[in-house]
Amino acid sequence: MMLSVMIQVTGCGSNKESWAYNHEPETEILSLSDNGKAIFHGEKYTYTRDDEFITLKDKSGSELKLRYMIDGEEMTLNESSTYDRDGEGTPGSIVGVWKQDNGWSYQFTSEGTFTEENIFYGHYAVNEQEGTIKLMYDEPLEDAILYYSLDGDKLTVDYPWTLVKTVQGSGK
């Protein structure tokens, strides 16, 4: 009898994946339990996963699809952000200045150069068929592939973040 009570309380050894940004390996941003429960940026969800997407569903039934790829001990997770066109640009294209309320920004020129946050610079290439923007940084940073969509003066990009398994008190 006592064993069955302990099994119910402890969750019968449920397995959990715990992921953090590679630049903050102690801070969990995503946990996925084998019981179908997830936590993403502190919010609770249920989830399903296939080879391309983790689909999170909140209590109201709203879904959030996150494109991902696992490579060994790392996960690339694409998170969506929406930017508003700031000023002039080329209608129907990404050329122009794009900003968020938090100050984050992109500027894409018609010459194929970009700036990200006015800190990172480089060249870009758009693949309209795949819905991607390839950022090729001037800095010694790895190129990034952003999935994107345009809706008038709104640009939504899915930026790839590198995640690692969470380091929790292991002294690593």
N, C-alpha and C. Protein backbone atom coordinates (compact mmCIF):
# COMPACT_ATOMS: atom_id res chain seq x y z
N MET A 1 0.83 -1.19 0.00
CA MET A 1 0.00 0.00 0.00
C MET A 1 0.88 1.26 0.00
N MET A 2 1.88 1.30 0.87
CA MET A 2 2.76 2.47 0.94
C MET A 2 3.50 2.67 -0.37
N LEU A 3 3.91 1.59 -1.03
CA LEU A 3 4.62 1.69 -2.31
C LEU A 3 3.74 2.33 -3.37
N SER A 4 2.47 1.95 -3.44
CA SER A 4 1.59 2.54 -4.45
C SER A 4 1.37 4.03 -4.20
N VAL A 5 1.30 4.44 -2.94
CA VAL A 5 1.17 5.86 -2.61
C VAL A 5 2.42 6.61 -3.06
N MET A 6 3.61 6.06 -2.81
CA MET A 6 4.85 6.71 -3.20
C MET A 6 4.98 6.80 -4.71
N ILE A 7 4.55 5.79 -5.44
CA ILE A 7 4.61 5.82 -6.90
C ILE A 7 3.70 6.94 -7.43
N GLN A 8 2.50 7.08 -6.85
CA GLN A 8 1.59 8.14 -7.30
C GLN A 8 2.17 9.52 -7.01
N VAL A 9 2.77 9.72 -5.84
CA VAL A 9 3.32 11.01 -5.45
C VAL A 9 4.54 11.38 -6.29
N THR A 10 5.41 10.43 -6.57
CA THR A 10 6.65 10.74 -7.28
C THR A 10 6.49 10.73 -8.79
N GLY A 11 5.35 10.33 -9.31
CA GLY A 11 5.13 10.35 -10.75
C GLY A 11 5.75 9.17 -11.47
N CYS A 12 6.09 8.15 -10.76
CA CYS A 12 6.57 6.91 -11.34
C CYS A 12 7.81 7.11 -12.21
N GLY A 13 8.68 8.03 -11.80
CA GLY A 13 9.96 8.19 -12.49
C GLY A 13 9.85 8.80 -13.88
N SER A 14 8.93 9.74 -14.06
CA SER A 14 8.75 10.38 -15.36
C SER A 14 10.06 10.98 -15.86
N ASN A 15 10.38 10.73 -17.14
CA ASN A 15 11.59 11.29 -17.74
C ASN A 15 11.31 12.68 -18.26
N LYS A 16 12.33 13.55 -18.19
CA LYS A 16 12.18 14.93 -18.62
C LYS A 16 13.43 15.37 -19.35
N GLU A 17 13.24 16.03 -20.49
CA GLU A 17 14.33 16.70 -21.18
C GLU A 17 14.31 18.15 -20.71
N SER A 18 15.46 18.67 -20.33
CA SER A 18 15.55 20.05 -19.88
C SER A 18 16.58 20.77 -20.75
N TRP A 19 16.14 21.87 -21.41
CA TRP A 19 16.98 22.58 -22.37
C TRP A 19 17.15 24.03 -21.97
N ALA A 20 18.34 24.57 -22.29
CA ALA A 20 18.68 25.97 -22.00
C ALA A 20 19.41 26.55 -23.19
N TYR A 21 19.40 27.88 -23.31
CA TYR A 21 20.22 28.51 -24.34
C TYR A 21 21.68 28.18 -24.05
N ASN A 22 22.48 28.00 -25.11
CA ASN A 22 23.87 27.61 -24.90
C ASN A 22 24.66 28.69 -24.16
N HIS A 23 24.23 29.94 -24.21
CA HIS A 23 24.93 31.00 -23.50
C HIS A 23 24.47 31.15 -22.05
N GLU A 24 23.43 30.42 -21.64
CA GLU A 24 22.93 30.41 -20.26
C GLU A 24 22.53 28.98 -19.88
N PRO A 25 23.51 28.05 -19.81
CA PRO A 25 23.17 26.63 -19.65
C PRO A 25 22.52 26.25 -18.32
N GLU A 26 22.48 27.17 -17.36
CA GLU A 26 21.84 26.86 -16.07
C GLU A 26 20.36 27.22 -16.06
N THR A 27 19.90 28.01 -17.03
CA THR A 27 18.54 28.54 -17.02
C THR A 27 17.66 27.80 -18.02
N GLU A 28 16.79 26.96 -17.51
CA GLU A 28 15.90 26.17 -18.36
C GLU A 28 14.91 27.08 -19.08
N ILE A 29 14.79 26.88 -20.40
CA ILE A 29 13.75 27.60 -21.15
C ILE A 29 12.72 26.64 -21.71
N LEU A 30 13.08 25.35 -21.80
CA LEU A 30 12.16 24.36 -22.34
C LEU A 30 12.34 23.05 -21.61
N SER A 31 11.24 22.50 -21.11
CA SER A 31 11.28 21.14 -20.57
C SER A 31 10.17 20.35 -21.23
N LEU A 32 10.51 19.12 -21.57
CA LEU A 32 9.58 18.21 -22.23
C LEU A 32 9.55 16.92 -21.43
N SER A 33 8.41 16.59 -20.87
CA SER A 33 8.27 15.36 -20.09
C SER A 33 7.63 14.29 -20.94
N ASP A 34 7.98 13.03 -20.65
CA ASP A 34 7.43 11.94 -21.45
C ASP A 34 5.93 11.74 -21.22
N ASN A 35 5.34 12.48 -20.28
CA ASN A 35 3.89 12.40 -20.06
C ASN A 35 3.12 13.42 -20.90
N GLY A 36 3.82 14.10 -21.85
CA GLY A 36 3.15 15.04 -22.73
C GLY A 36 3.04 16.46 -22.19
N LYS A 37 3.66 16.72 -21.05
CA LYS A 37 3.64 18.07 -20.46
C LYS A 37 4.92 18.81 -20.84
N ALA A 38 4.80 20.12 -21.03
CA ALA A 38 5.95 20.95 -21.39
C ALA A 38 5.87 22.27 -20.65
N ILE A 39 7.03 22.87 -20.46
CA ILE A 39 7.13 24.24 -19.95
C ILE A 39 8.05 24.97 -20.91
N PHE A 40 7.58 26.10 -21.43
CA PHE A 40 8.36 26.92 -22.37
C PHE A 40 8.33 28.34 -21.87
N HIS A 41 9.52 28.87 -21.56
CA HIS A 41 9.64 30.22 -21.00
C HIS A 41 8.69 30.42 -19.82
N GLY A 42 8.60 29.41 -18.96
CA GLY A 42 7.82 29.51 -17.73
C GLY A 42 6.33 29.23 -17.88
N GLU A 43 5.84 29.06 -19.09
CA GLU A 43 4.42 28.79 -19.33
C GLU A 43 4.20 27.29 -19.51
N LYS A 44 3.09 26.78 -18.98
CA LYS A 44 2.77 25.35 -19.06
C LYS A 44 1.96 25.03 -20.31
N TYR A 45 2.30 23.90 -20.92
CA TYR A 45 1.65 23.43 -22.14
C TYR A 45 1.56 21.91 -22.11
N THR A 46 0.75 21.37 -23.04
CA THR A 46 0.90 19.98 -23.44
C THR A 46 1.62 20.05 -24.78
N TYR A 47 2.24 18.93 -25.19
CA TYR A 47 2.98 19.00 -26.44
C TYR A 47 2.93 17.68 -27.19
N THR A 48 3.16 17.81 -28.50
CA THR A 48 3.42 16.68 -29.37
C THR A 48 4.68 17.05 -30.16
N ARG A 49 5.33 16.03 -30.68
CA ARG A 49 6.57 16.28 -31.41
C ARG A 49 6.65 15.31 -32.59
N ASP A 50 7.10 15.84 -33.73
CA ASP A 50 7.43 14.98 -34.86
C ASP A 50 8.88 15.28 -35.23
N ASP A 51 9.30 14.89 -36.41
CA ASP A 51 10.70 15.07 -36.79
C ASP A 51 11.08 16.52 -37.09
N GLU A 52 10.09 17.42 -37.22
CA GLU A 52 10.37 18.80 -37.61
C GLU A 52 9.87 19.84 -36.61
N PHE A 53 8.74 19.55 -35.93
CA PHE A 53 8.12 20.54 -35.07
C PHE A 53 7.81 19.98 -33.69
N ILE A 54 7.94 20.85 -32.68
CA ILE A 54 7.38 20.63 -31.36
C ILE A 54 6.15 21.54 -31.33
N THR A 55 4.98 20.95 -31.11
CA THR A 55 3.74 21.72 -31.08
C THR A 55 3.27 21.82 -29.64
N LEU A 56 3.23 23.05 -29.14
CA LEU A 56 2.78 23.32 -27.78
C LEU A 56 1.34 23.78 -27.81
N LYS A 57 0.54 23.30 -26.86
CA LYS A 57 -0.86 23.70 -26.77
C LYS A 57 -1.14 24.18 -25.35
N ASP A 58 -1.70 25.40 -25.23
CA ASP A 58 -2.02 25.92 -23.90
C ASP A 58 -3.42 25.50 -23.48
N LYS A 59 -3.85 25.92 -22.29
CA LYS A 59 -5.15 25.52 -21.75
C LYS A 59 -6.32 25.96 -22.62
N SER A 60 -6.15 27.09 -23.32
CA SER A 60 -7.24 27.59 -24.16
C SER A 60 -7.30 26.89 -25.52
N GLY A 61 -6.31 26.04 -25.81
CA GLY A 61 -6.28 25.32 -27.07
C GLY A 61 -5.42 25.99 -28.14
N SER A 62 -4.86 27.15 -27.83
CA SER A 62 -3.97 27.83 -28.79
C SER A 62 -2.69 27.02 -28.97
N GLU A 63 -2.22 26.95 -30.22
CA GLU A 63 -1.02 26.17 -30.52
C GLU A 63 0.14 27.07 -30.92
N LEU A 64 1.31 26.63 -30.55
CA LEU A 64 2.56 27.27 -30.93
C LEU A 64 3.45 26.19 -31.52
N LYS A 65 3.79 26.35 -32.82
CA LYS A 65 4.63 25.36 -33.50
C LYS A 65 6.06 25.88 -33.53
N LEU A 66 6.97 25.09 -32.97
CA LEU A 66 8.38 25.45 -32.92
C LEU A 66 9.17 24.47 -33.79
N ARG A 67 9.80 24.99 -34.83
CA ARG A 67 10.66 24.16 -35.68
C ARG A 67 11.92 23.84 -34.87
N TYR A 68 12.37 22.58 -34.95
CA TYR A 68 13.56 22.20 -34.19
C TYR A 68 14.36 21.14 -34.94
N MET A 69 15.60 21.00 -34.49
CA MET A 69 16.46 19.94 -35.02
C MET A 69 17.44 19.57 -33.90
N ILE A 70 17.59 18.28 -33.64
CA ILE A 70 18.54 17.81 -32.63
C ILE A 70 19.76 17.27 -33.33
N ASP A 71 20.92 17.70 -32.84
CA ASP A 71 22.21 17.25 -33.38
C ASP A 71 23.08 16.88 -32.18
N GLY A 72 23.09 15.60 -31.85
CA GLY A 72 23.85 15.15 -30.70
C GLY A 72 23.27 15.68 -29.40
N GLU A 73 24.07 16.45 -28.67
CA GLU A 73 23.65 17.00 -27.38
C GLU A 73 23.10 18.42 -27.51
N GLU A 74 22.92 18.91 -28.74
CA GLU A 74 22.39 20.25 -28.96
C GLU A 74 21.09 20.20 -29.73
N MET A 75 20.27 21.22 -29.50
CA MET A 75 19.02 21.38 -30.24
C MET A 75 19.04 22.78 -30.85
N THR A 76 18.66 22.89 -32.10
CA THR A 76 18.41 24.19 -32.70
C THR A 76 16.90 24.38 -32.66
N LEU A 77 16.46 25.44 -31.97
CA LEU A 77 15.05 25.72 -31.79
C LEU A 77 14.76 27.08 -32.41
N ASN A 78 13.81 27.12 -33.33
CA ASN A 78 13.45 28.38 -33.98
C ASN A 78 12.31 29.04 -33.22
N GLU A 79 12.57 30.26 -32.73
CA GLU A 79 11.56 31.02 -32.00
C GLU A 79 11.11 32.20 -32.85
N SER A 80 9.79 32.43 -32.89
CA SER A 80 9.21 33.49 -33.71
C SER A 80 9.24 34.85 -33.02
N SER A 81 9.53 35.86 -33.82
CA SER A 81 9.45 37.26 -33.40
C SER A 81 8.85 38.05 -34.55
N THR A 82 8.00 39.02 -34.23
CA THR A 82 7.39 39.85 -35.26
C THR A 82 7.93 41.26 -35.15
N TYR A 83 8.28 41.81 -36.30
CA TYR A 83 8.84 43.15 -36.42
C TYR A 83 7.92 44.00 -37.28
N ASP A 84 7.86 45.30 -36.98
CA ASP A 84 7.09 46.24 -37.78
C ASP A 84 8.04 47.05 -38.64
N ARG A 85 7.60 47.31 -39.89
CA ARG A 85 8.40 48.15 -40.78
C ARG A 85 8.47 49.55 -40.16
N ASP A 86 9.66 50.11 -40.14
CA ASP A 86 9.89 51.44 -39.58
C ASP A 86 10.31 52.36 -40.71
N GLY A 87 9.37 53.15 -41.17
CA GLY A 87 9.69 54.05 -42.27
C GLY A 87 9.49 53.39 -43.62
N GLU A 88 10.28 53.83 -44.57
CA GLU A 88 10.14 53.36 -45.94
C GLU A 88 10.85 52.03 -46.14
N GLY A 89 10.46 51.37 -47.19
CA GLY A 89 11.07 50.11 -47.59
C GLY A 89 10.49 49.70 -48.92
N THR A 90 10.80 48.51 -49.34
CA THR A 90 10.27 48.01 -50.60
C THR A 90 9.06 47.13 -50.30
N PRO A 91 7.86 47.57 -50.72
CA PRO A 91 6.66 46.76 -50.46
C PRO A 91 6.82 45.34 -51.01
N GLY A 92 6.36 44.37 -50.22
CA GLY A 92 6.42 42.98 -50.64
C GLY A 92 7.79 42.35 -50.52
N SER A 93 8.74 43.06 -49.92
CA SER A 93 10.08 42.48 -49.72
C SER A 93 10.56 42.81 -48.30
N ILE A 94 11.66 42.21 -47.93
CA ILE A 94 12.20 42.46 -46.59
C ILE A 94 13.07 43.71 -46.55
N VAL A 95 13.32 44.34 -47.70
CA VAL A 95 14.16 45.54 -47.74
C VAL A 95 13.51 46.64 -46.91
N GLY A 96 14.28 47.16 -45.94
CA GLY A 96 13.80 48.21 -45.07
C GLY A 96 14.31 48.00 -43.66
N VAL A 97 13.82 48.84 -42.76
CA VAL A 97 14.16 48.75 -41.33
C VAL A 97 12.97 48.14 -40.62
N TRP A 98 13.24 47.15 -39.77
CA TRP A 98 12.21 46.43 -39.04
C TRP A 98 12.53 46.50 -37.56
N LYS A 99 11.53 46.89 -36.73
CA LYS A 99 11.77 47.05 -35.29
C LYS A 99 10.68 46.38 -34.47
N GLN A 100 11.08 46.04 -33.24
CA GLN A 100 10.14 45.56 -32.23
C GLN A 100 10.05 46.61 -31.14
N ASP A 101 9.00 46.51 -30.31
CA ASP A 101 8.83 47.45 -29.20
C ASP A 101 9.99 47.40 -28.21
N ASN A 102 10.65 46.23 -28.12
CA ASN A 102 11.75 46.07 -27.16
C ASN A 102 13.07 46.65 -27.69
N GLY A 103 13.04 47.24 -28.90
CA GLY A 103 14.24 47.85 -29.46
C GLY A 103 15.02 46.97 -30.41
N TRP A 104 14.71 45.67 -30.47
CA TRP A 104 15.42 44.80 -31.41
C TRP A 104 15.08 45.21 -32.83
N SER A 105 16.06 45.06 -33.72
CA SER A 105 15.82 45.51 -35.09
C SER A 105 16.66 44.76 -36.11
N TYR A 106 16.19 44.81 -37.33
CA TYR A 106 16.92 44.36 -38.51
C TYR A 106 16.82 45.48 -39.54
N GLN A 107 17.88 45.62 -40.33
CA GLN A 107 17.80 46.46 -41.51
C GLN A 107 18.36 45.66 -42.67
N PHE A 108 17.55 45.53 -43.72
CA PHE A 108 17.95 44.83 -44.93
C PHE A 108 18.01 45.84 -46.06
N THR A 109 19.15 45.89 -46.78
CA THR A 109 19.29 46.83 -47.89
C THR A 109 19.03 46.13 -49.22
N SER A 110 18.78 46.92 -50.24
CA SER A 110 18.58 46.37 -51.58
C SER A 110 19.89 45.85 -52.17
N GLU A 111 21.03 46.20 -51.56
CA GLU A 111 22.33 45.71 -52.01
C GLU A 111 22.69 44.36 -51.40
N GLY A 112 21.81 43.80 -50.57
CA GLY A 112 22.06 42.48 -49.99
C GLY A 112 22.86 42.50 -48.69
N THR A 113 22.93 43.66 -48.02
CA THR A 113 23.59 43.72 -46.72
C THR A 113 22.53 43.86 -45.63
N PHE A 114 22.92 43.51 -44.41
CA PHE A 114 22.00 43.64 -43.29
C PHE A 114 22.76 44.10 -42.05
N THR A 115 21.99 44.61 -41.10
CA THR A 115 22.47 44.84 -39.75
C THR A 115 21.41 44.28 -38.79
N GLU A 116 21.89 43.65 -37.73
CA GLU A 116 21.01 43.08 -36.71
C GLU A 116 21.34 43.79 -35.41
N GLU A 117 20.36 44.45 -34.84
CA GLU A 117 20.51 45.20 -33.58
C GLU A 117 21.55 46.32 -33.68
N ASN A 118 21.94 46.73 -34.88
CA ASN A 118 23.02 47.71 -35.08
C ASN A 118 24.32 47.27 -34.41
N ILE A 119 24.48 45.96 -34.26
CA ILE A 119 25.68 45.38 -33.66
C ILE A 119 26.34 44.42 -34.64
N PHE A 120 25.54 43.57 -35.26
CA PHE A 120 26.04 42.54 -36.17
C PHE A 120 25.74 42.95 -37.61
N TYR A 121 26.71 42.73 -38.48
CA TYR A 121 26.59 43.13 -39.88
C TYR A 121 26.93 41.95 -40.78
N GLY A 122 26.47 42.02 -42.03
CA GLY A 122 26.81 40.99 -42.97
C GLY A 122 26.01 41.11 -44.25
N HIS A 123 25.94 40.00 -44.96
CA HIS A 123 25.18 39.90 -46.20
C HIS A 123 24.06 38.89 -46.00
N TYR A 124 23.03 39.01 -46.82
CA TYR A 124 21.90 38.08 -46.70
C TYR A 124 21.46 37.61 -48.08
N ALA A 125 20.78 36.47 -48.08
CA ALA A 125 20.18 35.93 -49.30
C ALA A 125 18.79 35.42 -48.95
N VAL A 126 17.82 35.73 -49.78
CA VAL A 126 16.43 35.32 -49.57
C VAL A 126 16.10 34.17 -50.51
N ASN A 127 15.49 33.12 -49.98
CA ASN A 127 14.96 32.03 -50.78
C ASN A 127 13.44 32.07 -50.60
N GLU A 128 12.75 32.70 -51.54
CA GLU A 128 11.30 32.87 -51.40
C GLU A 128 10.55 31.55 -51.44
N GLN A 129 11.04 30.58 -52.23
CA GLN A 129 10.36 29.28 -52.32
C GLN A 129 10.37 28.57 -50.97
N GLU A 130 11.50 28.62 -50.25
CA GLU A 130 11.60 27.96 -48.95
C GLU A 130 11.17 28.87 -47.81
N GLY A 131 10.98 30.17 -48.09
CA GLY A 131 10.60 31.12 -47.06
C GLY A 131 11.71 31.33 -46.05
N THR A 132 12.97 31.46 -46.56
CA THR A 132 14.10 31.62 -45.66
C THR A 132 14.95 32.83 -46.02
N ILE A 133 15.61 33.34 -45.01
CA ILE A 133 16.63 34.38 -45.16
C ILE A 133 17.91 33.79 -44.58
N LYS A 134 18.98 33.78 -45.36
CA LYS A 134 20.26 33.30 -44.85
C LYS A 134 21.08 34.53 -44.47
N LEU A 135 21.45 34.60 -43.19
CA LEU A 135 22.30 35.68 -42.70
C LEU A 135 23.74 35.18 -42.68
N MET A 136 24.61 35.89 -43.39
CA MET A 136 26.04 35.55 -43.44
C MET A 136 26.78 36.69 -42.76
N TYR A 137 27.15 36.48 -41.51
CA TYR A 137 27.72 37.53 -40.67
C TYR A 137 29.15 37.86 -41.07
N ASP A 138 29.49 39.16 -40.94
CA ASP A 138 30.88 39.59 -41.13
C ASP A 138 31.74 39.14 -39.95
N GLU A 139 31.13 39.03 -38.78
CA GLU A 139 31.82 38.60 -37.55
C GLU A 139 32.13 37.11 -37.66
N PRO A 140 32.96 36.63 -36.77
CA PRO A 140 33.20 35.18 -36.78
C PRO A 140 32.03 34.43 -36.11
N LEU A 141 30.84 34.63 -36.66
CA LEU A 141 29.64 33.94 -36.19
C LEU A 141 29.18 32.99 -37.28
N GLU A 142 28.55 31.91 -36.86
CA GLU A 142 28.01 30.93 -37.80
C GLU A 142 26.84 31.56 -38.56
N ASP A 143 26.74 31.25 -39.86
CA ASP A 143 25.60 31.72 -40.65
C ASP A 143 24.31 31.24 -40.00
N ALA A 144 23.22 32.00 -40.19
CA ALA A 144 21.93 31.63 -39.61
C ALA A 144 20.88 31.60 -40.71
N ILE A 145 20.01 30.61 -40.65
CA ILE A 145 18.88 30.50 -41.56
C ILE A 145 17.63 30.86 -40.77
N LEU A 146 16.95 31.93 -41.19
CA LEU A 146 15.71 32.37 -40.56
C LEU A 146 14.56 32.02 -41.48
N TYR A 147 13.53 31.39 -40.94
CA TYR A 147 12.29 31.22 -41.69
C TYR A 147 11.52 32.52 -41.51
N TYR A 148 10.86 32.99 -42.56
CA TYR A 148 10.18 34.27 -42.45
C TYR A 148 8.85 34.28 -43.20
N SER A 149 8.01 35.25 -42.82
CA SER A 149 6.79 35.54 -43.57
C SER A 149 6.55 37.04 -43.48
N LEU A 150 5.97 37.56 -44.55
CA LEU A 150 5.64 38.99 -44.64
C LEU A 150 4.13 39.13 -44.69
N ASP A 151 3.61 40.09 -43.93
CA ASP A 151 2.20 40.42 -43.98
C ASP A 151 2.10 41.94 -43.94
N GLY A 152 2.14 42.56 -45.12
CA GLY A 152 2.13 44.02 -45.20
C GLY A 152 3.38 44.60 -44.56
N ASP A 153 3.18 45.38 -43.50
CA ASP A 153 4.30 46.00 -42.79
C ASP A 153 4.73 45.21 -41.56
N LYS A 154 4.44 43.91 -41.55
CA LYS A 154 4.86 43.02 -40.46
C LYS A 154 5.74 41.92 -41.03
N LEU A 155 6.88 41.73 -40.40
CA LEU A 155 7.83 40.68 -40.77
C LEU A 155 7.95 39.74 -39.58
N THR A 156 7.64 38.47 -39.77
CA THR A 156 7.80 37.47 -38.72
C THR A 156 8.98 36.59 -39.11
N VAL A 157 9.93 36.46 -38.18
CA VAL A 157 11.09 35.60 -38.41
C VAL A 157 11.15 34.55 -37.32
N ASP A 158 11.55 33.36 -37.73
CA ASP A 158 11.81 32.27 -36.78
C ASP A 158 13.33 32.16 -36.70
N TYR A 159 13.88 32.68 -35.60
CA TYR A 159 15.33 32.73 -35.43
C TYR A 159 15.83 31.44 -34.78
N PRO A 160 16.92 30.87 -35.29
CA PRO A 160 17.44 29.62 -34.72
C PRO A 160 18.33 29.88 -33.50
N TRP A 161 17.94 29.33 -32.38
CA TRP A 161 18.72 29.42 -31.14
C TRP A 161 19.31 28.05 -30.84
N THR A 162 20.56 28.04 -30.41
CA THR A 162 21.20 26.79 -30.02
C THR A 162 20.90 26.52 -28.55
N LEU A 163 20.33 25.34 -28.28
CA LEU A 163 20.03 24.92 -26.92
C LEU A 163 20.94 23.76 -26.55
N VAL A 164 21.23 23.67 -25.26
CA VAL A 164 21.99 22.56 -24.71
C VAL A 164 21.20 21.98 -23.55
N LYS A 165 21.54 20.76 -23.17
CA LYS A 165 20.90 20.18 -21.98
C LYS A 165 21.24 21.05 -20.79
N THR A 166 20.26 21.26 -19.94
CA THR A 166 20.42 22.15 -18.80
C THR A 166 21.47 21.62 -17.83
N VAL A 167 22.34 22.50 -17.39
CA VAL A 167 23.32 22.19 -16.36
C VAL A 167 22.70 22.63 -15.04
N GLN A 168 22.40 21.66 -14.17
CA GLN A 168 21.74 21.97 -12.89
C GLN A 168 22.60 21.50 -11.73
N GLY A 169 23.33 22.44 -11.17
CA GLY A 169 24.11 22.15 -9.98
C GLY A 169 25.17 21.08 -10.15
N SER A 170 25.61 20.85 -11.38
CA SER A 170 26.60 19.79 -11.59
C SER A 170 28.02 20.33 -11.51
N GLY A 171 28.16 21.65 -11.38
CA GLY A 171 29.49 22.23 -11.29
C GLY A 171 30.20 22.32 -12.63
N LYS A 172 29.49 22.04 -13.73
CA LYS A 172 30.10 22.09 -15.06
C LYS A 172 30.16 23.52 -15.56
